C-alpha atoms as a PDB file:
ATOM      1  CA  UNK A   1       0.000   0.000   0.000  1.00  0.00           C
ATOM      2  CA  UNK A   2       1.212   3.465  -0.882  1.00  0.00           C
ATOM      3  CA  UNK A   3       0.253   6.778   0.609  1.00  0.00           C
ATOM      4  CA  UNK A   4      -2.435   9.071  -0.691  1.00  0.00           C
ATOM      5  CA  UNK A   5      -2.854   9.890  -4.350  1.00  0.00           C
ATOM      6  CA  UNK A   6      -0.338   7.293  -5.598  1.00  0.00           C
ATOM      7  CA  UNK A   7      -2.475   4.505  -4.180  1.00  0.00           C
ATOM      8  CA  UNK A   8      -5.568   6.187  -5.614  1.00  0.00           C
ATOM      9  CA  UNK A   9      -3.938   6.091  -9.067  1.00  0.00           C
ATOM     10  CA  UNK A  10      -3.032   2.407  -8.685  1.00  0.00           C
ATOM     11  CA  UNK A  11      -6.568   1.620  -7.532  1.00  0.00           C
ATOM     12  CA  UNK A  12      -8.060   3.391 -10.578  1.00  0.00           C
ATOM     13  CA  UNK A  13      -5.895   1.410 -12.990  1.00  0.00           C
ATOM     14  CA  UNK A  14      -6.809  -1.759 -11.080  1.00  0.00           C
ATOM     15  CA  UNK A  15     -10.470  -1.153 -11.865  1.00  0.00           C
ATOM     16  CA  UNK A  16      -9.814  -1.603 -15.584  1.00  0.00           C
ATOM     17  CA  UNK A  17     -10.677  -5.052 -17.014  1.00  0.00           C
ATOM     18  CA  UNK A  18      -7.709  -7.379 -17.297  1.00  0.00           C
ATOM     19  CA  UNK A  19      -5.492  -5.211 -15.047  1.00  0.00           C
ATOM     20  CA  UNK A  20      -4.485  -6.878 -11.797  1.00  0.00           C
ATOM     21  CA  UNK A  21      -2.862  -5.200  -8.773  1.00  0.00           C
ATOM     22  CA  UNK A  22       0.709  -5.743 -10.009  1.00  0.00           C
ATOM     23  CA  UNK A  23      -0.040  -4.505 -13.520  1.00  0.00           C
ATOM     24  CA  UNK A  24      -1.823  -1.464 -12.090  1.00  0.00           C
ATOM     25  CA  UNK A  25       1.223  -0.702  -9.949  1.00  0.00           C
ATOM     26  CA  UNK A  26       3.595  -1.048 -12.935  1.00  0.00           C
ATOM     27  CA  UNK A  27       1.489   1.297 -15.072  1.00  0.00           C
ATOM     28  CA  UNK A  28       1.266   3.888 -12.290  1.00  0.00           C
ATOM     29  CA  UNK A  29       5.015   3.872 -11.669  1.00  0.00           C
ATOM     30  CA  UNK A  30       5.755   3.980 -15.388  1.00  0.00           C
ATOM     31  CA  UNK A  31       3.780   7.212 -15.580  1.00  0.00           C
ATOM     32  CA  UNK A  32       5.492   8.603 -12.478  1.00  0.00           C
ATOM     33  CA  UNK A  33       9.036   7.666 -13.471  1.00  0.00           C
ATOM     34  CA  UNK A  34       8.971   8.336 -17.241  1.00  0.00           C
ATOM     35  CA  UNK A  35       9.587  12.029 -17.804  1.00  0.00           C
ATOM     36  CA  UNK A  36       8.718  11.785 -21.509  1.00  0.00           C
ATOM     37  CA  UNK A  37       5.262  10.329 -20.806  1.00  0.00           C
ATOM     38  CA  UNK A  38       2.709  12.909 -21.973  1.00  0.00           C
ATOM     39  CA  UNK A  39       0.124  12.868 -19.195  1.00  0.00           C
ATOM     40  CA  UNK A  40      -1.764  15.846 -20.612  1.00  0.00           C
ATOM     41  CA  UNK A  41      -2.089  14.111 -24.002  1.00  0.00           C
ATOM     42  CA  UNK A  42      -3.493  10.989 -22.323  1.00  0.00           C
ATOM     43  CA  UNK A  43      -5.975  13.058 -20.329  1.00  0.00           C
ATOM     44  CA  UNK A  44      -7.015  14.936 -23.471  1.00  0.00           C
ATOM     45  CA  UNK A  45      -7.568  11.712 -25.435  1.00  0.00           C
ATOM     46  CA  UNK A  46      -9.641  10.172 -22.658  1.00  0.00           C
ATOM     47  CA  UNK A  47     -11.834  13.264 -22.528  1.00  0.00           C
ATOM     48  CA  UNK A  48     -12.266  13.423 -26.316  1.00  0.00           C
ATOM     49  CA  UNK A  49     -13.068   9.698 -26.528  1.00  0.00           C
ATOM     50  CA  UNK A  50     -15.796  10.031 -23.906  1.00  0.00           C
ATOM     51  CA  UNK A  51     -17.258  13.038 -25.726  1.00  0.00           C
ATOM     52  CA  UNK A  52     -17.056  11.890 -29.361  1.00  0.00           C
ATOM     53  CA  UNK A  53     -17.174   8.094 -29.505  1.00  0.00           C
ATOM     54  CA  UNK A  54     -20.626   6.498 -29.585  1.00  0.00           C
ATOM     55  CA  UNK A  55     -22.269   3.277 -30.671  1.00  0.00           C
ATOM     56  CA  UNK A  56     -23.484   2.867 -34.256  1.00  0.00           C
ATOM     57  CA  UNK A  57     -27.250   3.311 -34.478  1.00  0.00           C
ATOM     58  CA  UNK A  58     -27.501   0.313 -36.810  1.00  0.00           C
ATOM     59  CA  UNK A  59     -25.079  -2.343 -35.577  1.00  0.00           C
ATOM     60  CA  UNK A  60     -23.779  -1.160 -32.190  1.00  0.00           C
ATOM     61  CA  UNK A  61     -20.134  -0.915 -33.243  1.00  0.00           C
ATOM     62  CA  UNK A  62     -18.090   2.028 -31.976  1.00  0.00           C
ATOM     63  CA  UNK A  63     -17.964   5.114 -34.190  1.00  0.00           C
ATOM     64  CA  UNK A  64     -17.612   8.885 -34.120  1.00  0.00           C
ATOM     65  CA  UNK A  65     -20.646   9.320 -36.377  1.00  0.00           C
ATOM     66  CA  UNK A  66     -24.237   8.073 -36.249  1.00  0.00           C
ATOM     67  CA  UNK A  67     -23.272   5.047 -38.331  1.00  0.00           C
ATOM     68  CA  UNK A  68     -19.960   3.208 -38.343  1.00  0.00           C
ATOM     69  CA  UNK A  69     -17.698   2.979 -41.395  1.00  0.00           C
ATOM     70  CA  UNK A  70     -18.761  -0.611 -42.102  1.00  0.00           C
ATOM     71  CA  UNK A  71     -22.480   0.199 -42.149  1.00  0.00           C
ATOM     72  CA  UNK A  72     -21.786   3.220 -44.393  1.00  0.00           C
ATOM     73  CA  UNK A  73     -19.658   1.238 -46.857  1.00  0.00           C
ATOM     74  CA  UNK A  74     -21.740   0.523 -49.992  1.00  0.00           C
ATOM     75  CA  UNK A  75     -19.339  -2.268 -50.979  1.00  0.00           C
ATOM     76  CA  UNK A  76     -20.350  -4.479 -48.037  1.00  0.00           C
ATOM     77  CA  UNK A  77     -22.611  -7.461 -48.649  1.00  0.00           C
ATOM     78  CA  UNK A  78     -25.827  -6.457 -46.852  1.00  0.00           C
ATOM     79  CA  UNK A  79     -27.340  -9.923 -47.163  1.00  0.00           C
ATOM     80  CA  UNK A  80     -24.926 -11.271 -44.519  1.00  0.00           C
ATOM     81  CA  UNK A  81     -24.979 -10.283 -40.842  1.00  0.00           C
ATOM     82  CA  UNK A  82     -22.351 -11.510 -38.392  1.00  0.00           C
ATOM     83  CA  UNK A  83     -23.421 -11.329 -34.735  1.00  0.00           C
ATOM     84  CA  UNK A  84     -20.587 -10.699 -32.251  1.00  0.00           C
ATOM     85  CA  UNK A  85     -20.349  -9.910 -28.559  1.00  0.00           C
ATOM     86  CA  UNK A  86     -18.127  -6.828 -28.500  1.00  0.00           C
ATOM     87  CA  UNK A  87     -16.676  -4.195 -30.897  1.00  0.00           C
ATOM     88  CA  UNK A  88     -13.240  -5.797 -30.453  1.00  0.00           C
ATOM     89  CA  UNK A  89     -14.633  -8.921 -32.114  1.00  0.00           C
ATOM     90  CA  UNK A  90     -15.450  -6.868 -35.217  1.00  0.00           C
ATOM     91  CA  UNK A  91     -11.799  -5.797 -35.399  1.00  0.00           C
ATOM     92  CA  UNK A  92     -10.624  -9.402 -35.031  1.00  0.00           C
ATOM     93  CA  UNK A  93     -12.858 -10.646 -37.852  1.00  0.00           C
ATOM     94  CA  UNK A  94     -11.994  -7.697 -40.111  1.00  0.00           C
ATOM     95  CA  UNK A  95      -8.308  -8.558 -39.766  1.00  0.00           C
ATOM     96  CA  UNK A  96      -8.952 -11.901 -41.488  1.00  0.00           C
ATOM     97  CA  UNK A  97     -10.349 -10.142 -44.604  1.00  0.00           C
ATOM     98  CA  UNK A  98     -12.630 -13.144 -45.079  1.00  0.00           C
ATOM     99  CA  UNK A  99     -15.963 -11.505 -44.254  1.00  0.00           C
ATOM    100  CA  UNK A 100     -17.508  -8.701 -46.318  1.00  0.00           C
ATOM    101  CA  UNK A 101     -20.961  -8.491 -44.768  1.00  0.00           C
ATOM    102  CA  UNK A 102     -22.388  -6.391 -41.947  1.00  0.00           C
ATOM    103  CA  UNK A 103     -22.199  -6.872 -38.186  1.00  0.00           C
ATOM    104  CA  UNK A 104     -24.420  -6.716 -35.148  1.00  0.00           C
ATOM    105  CA  UNK A 105     -22.742  -6.120 -31.779  1.00  0.00           C
ATOM    106  CA  UNK A 106     -24.669  -7.542 -28.821  1.00  0.00           C
ATOM    107  CA  UNK A 107     -22.750  -5.686 -26.133  1.00  0.00           C
ATOM    108  CA  UNK A 108     -21.844  -8.843 -24.217  1.00  0.00           C
ATOM    109  CA  UNK A 109     -23.091 -12.385 -23.679  1.00  0.00           C
ATOM    110  CA  UNK A 110     -25.807 -13.981 -21.569  1.00  0.00           C
ATOM    111  CA  UNK A 111     -24.362 -14.774 -18.144  1.00  0.00           C
ATOM    112  CA  UNK A 112     -26.731 -15.481 -15.231  1.00  0.00           C
ATOM    113  CA  UNK A 113     -23.779 -15.582 -12.816  1.00  0.00           C
ATOM    114  CA  UNK A 114     -22.834 -12.017 -13.752  1.00  0.00           C
ATOM    115  CA  UNK A 115     -26.457 -10.901 -13.906  1.00  0.00           C
ATOM    116  CA  UNK A 116     -26.457 -10.400 -17.692  1.00  0.00           C
ATOM    117  CA  UNK A 117     -29.857 -11.332 -19.123  1.00  0.00           C
ATOM    118  CA  UNK A 118     -31.013 -11.384 -22.772  1.00  0.00           C
ATOM    119  CA  UNK A 119     -32.779  -8.057 -22.305  1.00  0.00           C
ATOM    120  CA  UNK A 120     -29.454  -6.479 -21.298  1.00  0.00           C
ATOM    121  CA  UNK A 121     -28.084  -7.148 -24.790  1.00  0.00           C
ATOM    122  CA  UNK A 122     -29.053  -5.625 -28.140  1.00  0.00           C
ATOM    123  CA  UNK A 123     -31.026  -8.709 -29.155  1.00  0.00           C
ATOM    124  CA  UNK A 124     -34.247  -6.722 -29.607  1.00  0.00           C
ATOM    125  CA  UNK A 125     -32.432  -4.405 -32.030  1.00  0.00           C
ATOM    126  CA  UNK A 126     -31.157  -7.431 -33.965  1.00  0.00           C
ATOM    127  CA  UNK A 127     -34.650  -8.895 -34.269  1.00  0.00           C
ATOM    128  CA  UNK A 128     -35.910  -5.502 -35.419  1.00  0.00           C
ATOM    129  CA  UNK A 129     -33.273  -5.451 -38.169  1.00  0.00           C
ATOM    130  CA  UNK A 130     -34.329  -8.881 -39.327  1.00  0.00           C
ATOM    131  CA  UNK A 131     -38.065  -8.836 -38.732  1.00  0.00           C
ATOM    132  CA  UNK A 132     -38.855  -7.539 -42.228  1.00  0.00           C
ATOM    133  CA  UNK A 133     -36.576 -10.153 -43.775  1.00  0.00           C
ATOM    134  CA  UNK A 134     -34.137  -7.552 -45.078  1.00  0.00           C
ATOM    135  CA  UNK A 135     -31.750  -4.935 -43.800  1.00  0.00           C
ATOM    136  CA  UNK A 136     -33.448  -1.531 -44.347  1.00  0.00           C
ATOM    137  CA  UNK A 137     -30.580  -0.118 -46.409  1.00  0.00           C
ATOM    138  CA  UNK A 138     -30.518  -3.078 -48.784  1.00  0.00           C
ATOM    139  CA  UNK A 139     -33.810  -2.357 -50.554  1.00  0.00           C
ATOM    140  CA  UNK A 140     -35.463  -5.580 -51.711  1.00  0.00           C
ATOM    141  CA  UNK A 141     -32.364  -7.664 -51.077  1.00  0.00           C
ATOM    142  CA  UNK A 142     -33.181 -10.238 -48.368  1.00  0.00           C
ATOM    143  CA  UNK A 143     -30.799 -11.299 -45.638  1.00  0.00           C
ATOM    144  CA  UNK A 144     -29.621 -14.746 -46.713  1.00  0.00           C
ATOM    145  CA  UNK A 145     -27.623 -15.702 -43.616  1.00  0.00           C
ATOM    146  CA  UNK A 146     -27.001 -14.721 -40.013  1.00  0.00           C
ATOM    147  CA  UNK A 147     -23.626 -15.873 -38.706  1.00  0.00           C
ATOM    148  CA  UNK A 148     -23.359 -16.215 -34.934  1.00  0.00           C
ATOM    149  CA  UNK A 149     -19.778 -15.483 -33.855  1.00  0.00           C
ATOM    150  CA  UNK A 150     -20.050 -15.388 -30.071  1.00  0.00           C
ATOM    151  CA  UNK A 151     -17.098 -16.635 -28.017  1.00  0.00           C
ATOM    152  CA  UNK A 152     -16.652 -20.434 -27.730  1.00  0.00           C
ATOM    153  CA  UNK A 153     -17.190 -20.481 -23.952  1.00  0.00           C
ATOM    154  CA  UNK A 154     -20.188 -21.242 -21.738  1.00  0.00           C
ATOM    155  CA  UNK A 155     -21.585 -17.706 -22.008  1.00  0.00           C
ATOM    156  CA  UNK A 156     -21.029 -17.539 -25.751  1.00  0.00           C
ATOM    157  CA  UNK A 157     -22.610 -20.953 -26.296  1.00  0.00           C
ATOM    158  CA  UNK A 158     -25.638 -20.006 -24.192  1.00  0.00           C
ATOM    159  CA  UNK A 159     -26.033 -16.798 -26.189  1.00  0.00           C
ATOM    160  CA  UNK A 160     -25.714 -18.650 -29.500  1.00  0.00           C
ATOM    161  CA  UNK A 161     -28.332 -21.202 -28.452  1.00  0.00           C
ATOM    162  CA  UNK A 162     -30.719 -18.451 -27.348  1.00  0.00           C
ATOM    163  CA  UNK A 163     -30.289 -16.555 -30.628  1.00  0.00           C
ATOM    164  CA  UNK A 164     -30.749 -19.720 -32.684  1.00  0.00           C
ATOM    165  CA  UNK A 165     -34.123 -20.355 -31.047  1.00  0.00           C
ATOM    166  CA  UNK A 166     -35.263 -16.787 -31.711  1.00  0.00           C
ATOM    167  CA  UNK A 167     -34.035 -16.667 -35.288  1.00  0.00           C
ATOM    168  CA  UNK A 168     -35.612 -19.988 -36.220  1.00  0.00           C
ATOM    169  CA  UNK A 169     -39.000 -18.253 -36.050  1.00  0.00           C
ATOM    170  CA  UNK A 170     -38.204 -15.798 -38.854  1.00  0.00           C
ATOM    171  CA  UNK A 171     -36.915 -18.402 -41.307  1.00  0.00           C
ATOM    172  CA  UNK A 172     -33.519 -16.853 -42.003  1.00  0.00           C
ATOM    173  CA  UNK A 173     -30.624 -19.346 -42.303  1.00  0.00           C
ATOM    174  CA  UNK A 174     -28.416 -19.259 -39.208  1.00  0.00           C
ATOM    175  CA  UNK A 175     -24.870 -20.572 -38.919  1.00  0.00           C
ATOM    176  CA  UNK A 176     -22.274 -20.686 -36.157  1.00  0.00           C
ATOM    177  CA  UNK A 177     -18.569 -20.061 -36.586  1.00  0.00           C
ATOM    178  CA  UNK A 178     -16.625 -23.311 -36.512  1.00  0.00           C
ATOM    179  CA  UNK A 179     -14.420 -23.761 -33.480  1.00  0.00           C
ATOM    180  CA  UNK A 180     -12.094 -26.416 -32.190  1.00  0.00           C
ATOM    181  CA  UNK A 181      -8.423 -27.114 -31.734  1.00  0.00           C
ATOM    182  CA  UNK A 182      -6.057 -24.239 -32.539  1.00  0.00           C
ATOM    183  CA  UNK A 183      -3.303 -24.826 -35.073  1.00  0.00           C
ATOM    184  CA  UNK A 184      -0.146 -25.834 -33.232  1.00  0.00           C
ATOM    185  CA  UNK A 185      -2.056 -26.811 -30.075  1.00  0.00           C
ATOM    186  CA  UNK A 186      -1.804 -30.036 -28.076  1.00  0.00           C
ATOM    187  CA  UNK A 187      -4.786 -32.256 -27.253  1.00  0.00           C
ATOM    188  CA  UNK A 188      -3.744 -32.599 -23.618  1.00  0.00           C
ATOM    189  CA  UNK A 189      -4.176 -28.851 -23.064  1.00  0.00           C
ATOM    190  CA  UNK A 190      -7.603 -28.579 -24.721  1.00  0.00           C
ATOM    191  CA  UNK A 191     -10.622 -28.098 -22.451  1.00  0.00           C
ATOM    192  CA  UNK A 192     -13.730 -30.262 -22.761  1.00  0.00           C
ATOM    193  CA  UNK A 193     -15.791 -27.643 -24.643  1.00  0.00           C
ATOM    194  CA  UNK A 194     -13.062 -26.991 -27.231  1.00  0.00           C
ATOM    195  CA  UNK A 195     -12.388 -30.696 -27.771  1.00  0.00           C
ATOM    196  CA  UNK A 196     -16.112 -31.446 -28.030  1.00  0.00           C
ATOM    197  CA  UNK A 197     -16.616 -28.728 -30.648  1.00  0.00           C
ATOM    198  CA  UNK A 198     -13.616 -30.063 -32.568  1.00  0.00           C
ATOM    199  CA  UNK A 199     -15.299 -33.476 -32.787  1.00  0.00           C
ATOM    200  CA  UNK A 200     -18.600 -31.922 -33.857  1.00  0.00           C
ATOM    201  CA  UNK A 201     -16.909 -29.878 -36.582  1.00  0.00           C
ATOM    202  CA  UNK A 202     -14.630 -32.613 -37.899  1.00  0.00           C
ATOM    203  CA  UNK A 203     -14.208 -32.830 -41.689  1.00  0.00           C
ATOM    204  CA  UNK A 204     -13.852 -35.906 -43.874  1.00  0.00           C
ATOM    205  CA  UNK A 205     -10.442 -36.306 -45.479  1.00  0.00           C
ATOM    206  CA  UNK A 206     -11.029 -39.384 -47.665  1.00  0.00           C
END
């Protein structure tokens, strides 16, 4: 424990997701000990981000305008919608350059333990986008597939199952991203869920 404001700074960093006590302490002391660290620039950026960044009115991705760059891009395939948990998942999928459709960001995953219920996510907004059978901006072009890309963990699987039940009522094809053993991984280190999904998604070689 440190005195006064130094401990307050460490505590604030410790409140960030993924930052433990030791990491929070290292970050705080890096700022204190590095003369070239531009504290005013960091403070300015944090303020500007809070003021200017919002969530896209269509898909829920982060943007500085009413609609994100992906939703505004006329080159995207508007008949495909990929459902993800968080904006960071959009970035991860975009890096692959394999998907050219639109997204829908749920804002999390169903987790009774953490008190996250379906109504806490943007599932209603997703159903509204799909209820007419087409994305509003796509004219008469129907949505031909919804791809569920939630995380391959208990929360992600529960969310995917819940969405599948809802979407089955509107007769739009629904698929789930394949998941299984990572390239270069060892079977002995795979958890039961990952190994089970690998068996389910096995492909025939001969």
